C-alpha atoms as a PDB file:
ATOM      1  CA  ALA A   1     -19.575 -32.234  11.178  1.00  0.00           C
ATOM      2  CA  TYR A   2     -17.407 -33.725  13.938  1.00  0.00           C
ATOM      3  CA  GLN A   3     -14.385 -34.549  11.777  1.00  0.00           C
ATOM      4  CA  GLY A   4     -11.126 -32.838  12.646  1.00  0.00           C
ATOM      5  CA  ARG A   5     -12.015 -32.240  16.305  1.00  0.00           C
ATOM      6  CA  GLY A   6      -9.924 -35.094  17.731  1.00  0.00           C
ATOM      7  CA  ILE A   7     -12.925 -37.102  18.915  1.00  0.00           C
ATOM      8  CA  GLY A   8     -11.901 -40.247  17.013  1.00  0.00           C
ATOM      9  CA  HIS A   9      -8.321 -39.952  18.272  1.00  0.00           C
ATOM     10  CA  ARG A  10      -9.512 -39.631  21.888  1.00  0.00           C
ATOM     11  CA  PHE A  11     -11.865 -42.590  21.408  1.00  0.00           C
ATOM     12  CA  TYR A  12      -9.050 -44.795  20.106  1.00  0.00           C
ATOM     13  CA  THR A  13      -6.673 -43.645  22.856  1.00  0.00           C
ATOM     14  CA  ASP A  14      -9.226 -44.801  25.449  1.00  0.00           C
ATOM     15  CA  LEU A  15      -9.998 -47.988  23.506  1.00  0.00           C
ATOM     16  CA  PHE A  16      -6.309 -48.940  23.197  1.00  0.00           C
ATOM     17  CA  SER A  17      -5.801 -48.309  26.914  1.00  0.00           C
ATOM     18  CA  PHE A  18      -8.800 -50.477  27.811  1.00  0.00           C
ATOM     19  CA  ALA A  19      -7.724 -53.205  25.383  1.00  0.00           C
ATOM     20  CA  ARG A  20      -4.238 -53.364  26.906  1.00  0.00           C
ATOM     21  CA  GLN A  21      -5.649 -53.431  30.451  1.00  0.00           C
ATOM     22  CA  THR A  22      -7.811 -56.413  29.506  1.00  0.00           C
ATOM     23  CA  ASN A  23      -4.933 -58.167  27.696  1.00  0.00           C
ATOM     24  CA  ALA A  24      -6.543 -57.960  24.260  1.00  0.00           C
ATOM     25  CA  ARG A  25      -4.131 -58.990  21.526  1.00  0.00           C
ATOM     26  CA  ARG A  26      -5.488 -56.693  18.828  1.00  0.00           C
ATOM     27  CA  VAL A  27      -8.102 -54.126  17.956  1.00  0.00           C
ATOM     28  CA  THR A  28      -9.963 -54.446  14.679  1.00  0.00           C
ATOM     29  CA  CYS A  29     -11.988 -52.113  12.506  1.00  0.00           C
ATOM     30  CA  GLU A  30     -13.522 -51.876   9.079  1.00  0.00           C
ATOM     31  CA  PHE A  31     -14.312 -49.052   6.702  1.00  0.00           C
ATOM     32  CA  ASP A  32     -15.680 -48.696   3.196  1.00  0.00           C
ATOM     33  CA  ILE A  33     -13.290 -48.975   0.290  1.00  0.00           C
ATOM     34  CA  TYR A  34     -16.118 -49.025  -2.255  1.00  0.00           C
ATOM     35  CA  PRO A  35     -17.535 -46.512  -2.238  1.00  0.00           C
ATOM     36  CA  PRO A  36     -14.255 -45.127  -0.910  1.00  0.00           C
ATOM     37  CA  ASN A  37     -13.919 -43.481   2.487  1.00  0.00           C
ATOM     38  CA  ASP A  38     -10.444 -41.970   2.177  1.00  0.00           C
ATOM     39  CA  LEU A  39     -10.738 -39.951   5.397  1.00  0.00           C
ATOM     40  CA  SER A  40     -11.348 -43.113   7.401  1.00  0.00           C
ATOM     41  CA  ARG A  41      -8.568 -44.966   5.559  1.00  0.00           C
ATOM     42  CA  ARG A  42      -6.018 -42.255   6.376  1.00  0.00           C
ATOM     43  CA  PHE A  43      -7.253 -41.972   9.976  1.00  0.00           C
ATOM     44  CA  HIS A  44      -6.846 -45.706  10.604  1.00  0.00           C
ATOM     45  CA  GLU A  45      -3.474 -45.849   8.846  1.00  0.00           C
ATOM     46  CA  ARG A  46      -2.226 -43.030  11.115  1.00  0.00           C
ATOM     47  CA  HIS A  47      -3.228 -45.149  14.107  1.00  0.00           C
ATOM     48  CA  GLY A  48      -1.284 -48.150  12.790  1.00  0.00           C
ATOM     49  CA  PHE A  49      -4.093 -50.382  11.514  1.00  0.00           C
ATOM     50  CA  LYS A  50      -2.991 -52.813   8.768  1.00  0.00           C
ATOM     51  CA  GLU A  51      -5.284 -54.457   6.247  1.00  0.00           C
ATOM     52  CA  VAL A  52      -5.883 -58.155   6.927  1.00  0.00           C
ATOM     53  CA  GLY A  53      -8.585 -58.663   4.304  1.00  0.00           C
ATOM     54  CA  THR A  54     -11.506 -57.257   2.399  1.00  0.00           C
ATOM     55  CA  GLN A  55     -15.150 -58.223   2.271  1.00  0.00           C
ATOM     56  CA  SER A  56     -18.099 -57.522  -0.012  1.00  0.00           C
ATOM     57  CA  VAL A  57     -21.255 -56.502   1.850  1.00  0.00           C
ATOM     58  CA  ALA A  58     -24.743 -55.213   1.056  1.00  0.00           C
ATOM     59  CA  SER A  59     -25.249 -57.777  -1.709  1.00  0.00           C
ATOM     60  CA  GLY A  60     -21.989 -56.699  -3.346  1.00  0.00           C
ATOM     61  CA  LYS A  61     -22.868 -52.997  -3.414  1.00  0.00           C
ATOM     62  CA  LYS A  62     -20.138 -52.165  -0.899  1.00  0.00           C
ATOM     63  CA  GLN A  63     -16.673 -53.438  -0.128  1.00  0.00           C
ATOM     64  CA  VAL A  64     -14.951 -52.947   3.215  1.00  0.00           C
ATOM     65  CA  SER A  65     -11.344 -53.103   4.331  1.00  0.00           C
ATOM     66  CA  LEU A  66     -10.849 -55.287   7.422  1.00  0.00           C
ATOM     67  CA  ARG A  67      -8.011 -53.858   9.519  1.00  0.00           C
ATOM     68  CA  ALA A  68      -6.174 -54.940  12.668  1.00  0.00           C
ATOM     69  CA  LEU A  69      -3.771 -53.283  15.071  1.00  0.00           C
ATOM     70  CA  SER A  70      -1.595 -55.645  17.109  1.00  0.00           C
ATOM     71  CA  LEU A  71      -1.163 -54.633  20.737  1.00  0.00           C
ATOM     72  CA  GLN A  72       1.361 -57.248  21.842  1.00  0.00           C
ATOM     73  CA  SER A  73       5.040 -57.221  20.971  1.00  0.00           C
ATOM     74  CA  GLU A  74       5.075 -60.715  19.446  1.00  0.00           C
ATOM     75  CA  ASP A  75       2.260 -59.667  17.109  1.00  0.00           C
ATOM     76  CA  ARG A  76       4.277 -56.650  15.988  1.00  0.00           C
ATOM     77  CA  ALA A  77       7.126 -59.010  15.122  1.00  0.00           C
ATOM     78  CA  ASN A  78       4.619 -60.857  12.901  1.00  0.00           C
ATOM     79  CA  PRO A  79       2.666 -58.042  11.221  1.00  0.00           C
ATOM     80  CA  SER A  80       1.002 -60.400   8.737  1.00  0.00           C
ATOM     81  CA  GLY A  81      -1.114 -61.740  11.583  1.00  0.00           C
ATOM     82  CA  ALA A  82      -0.429 -65.338  10.522  1.00  0.00           C
ATOM     83  CA  ARG A  83      -1.585 -67.727  13.223  1.00  0.00           C
ATOM     84  CA  THR A  84      -0.373 -71.090  14.367  1.00  0.00           C
ATOM     85  CA  ALA A  85      -2.704 -74.023  13.710  1.00  0.00           C
ATOM     86  CA  THR A  86      -3.915 -73.991  17.331  1.00  0.00           C
ATOM     87  CA  GLU A  87      -4.380 -70.250  17.782  1.00  0.00           C
ATOM     88  CA  LYS A  88      -7.908 -68.930  17.585  1.00  0.00           C
ATOM     89  CA  PRO A  89      -8.570 -66.009  15.220  1.00  0.00           C
ATOM     90  CA  ALA A  90      -8.710 -62.561  16.796  1.00  0.00           C
ATOM     91  CA  PHE A  91     -11.910 -61.778  14.914  1.00  0.00           C
ATOM     92  CA  ALA A  92     -14.192 -63.293  12.341  1.00  0.00           C
ATOM     93  CA  ALA A  93     -16.020 -61.520   9.565  1.00  0.00           C
ATOM     94  CA  HIS A  94     -19.676 -62.391   9.205  1.00  0.00           C
ATOM     95  CA  VAL A  95     -21.594 -62.150   5.986  1.00  0.00           C
ATOM     96  CA  LYS A  96     -25.392 -62.067   5.838  1.00  0.00           C
ATOM     97  CA  ARG A  97     -26.794 -64.192   3.065  1.00  0.00           C
END
């Protein structure tokens, strides 16, 4: 009922501003790809999020797309998100077993 009102865009505008102020390197998100959530996929693509992986959840009943948006210029030069051996990951996906 709240889709199309710009609430998500305003939220991400504030989140990106806060993330940059706190020197965060990237912002991450996830959304369902099975069952598909095409509205969320298009929304996050418009904001520049790139897929960095997928994950099965809910005992394999769902699959999510793990996305990241790099905030620093050197990350944008390396959109794959590949890390050096000493760099810590920006996020980790957790799976309940």
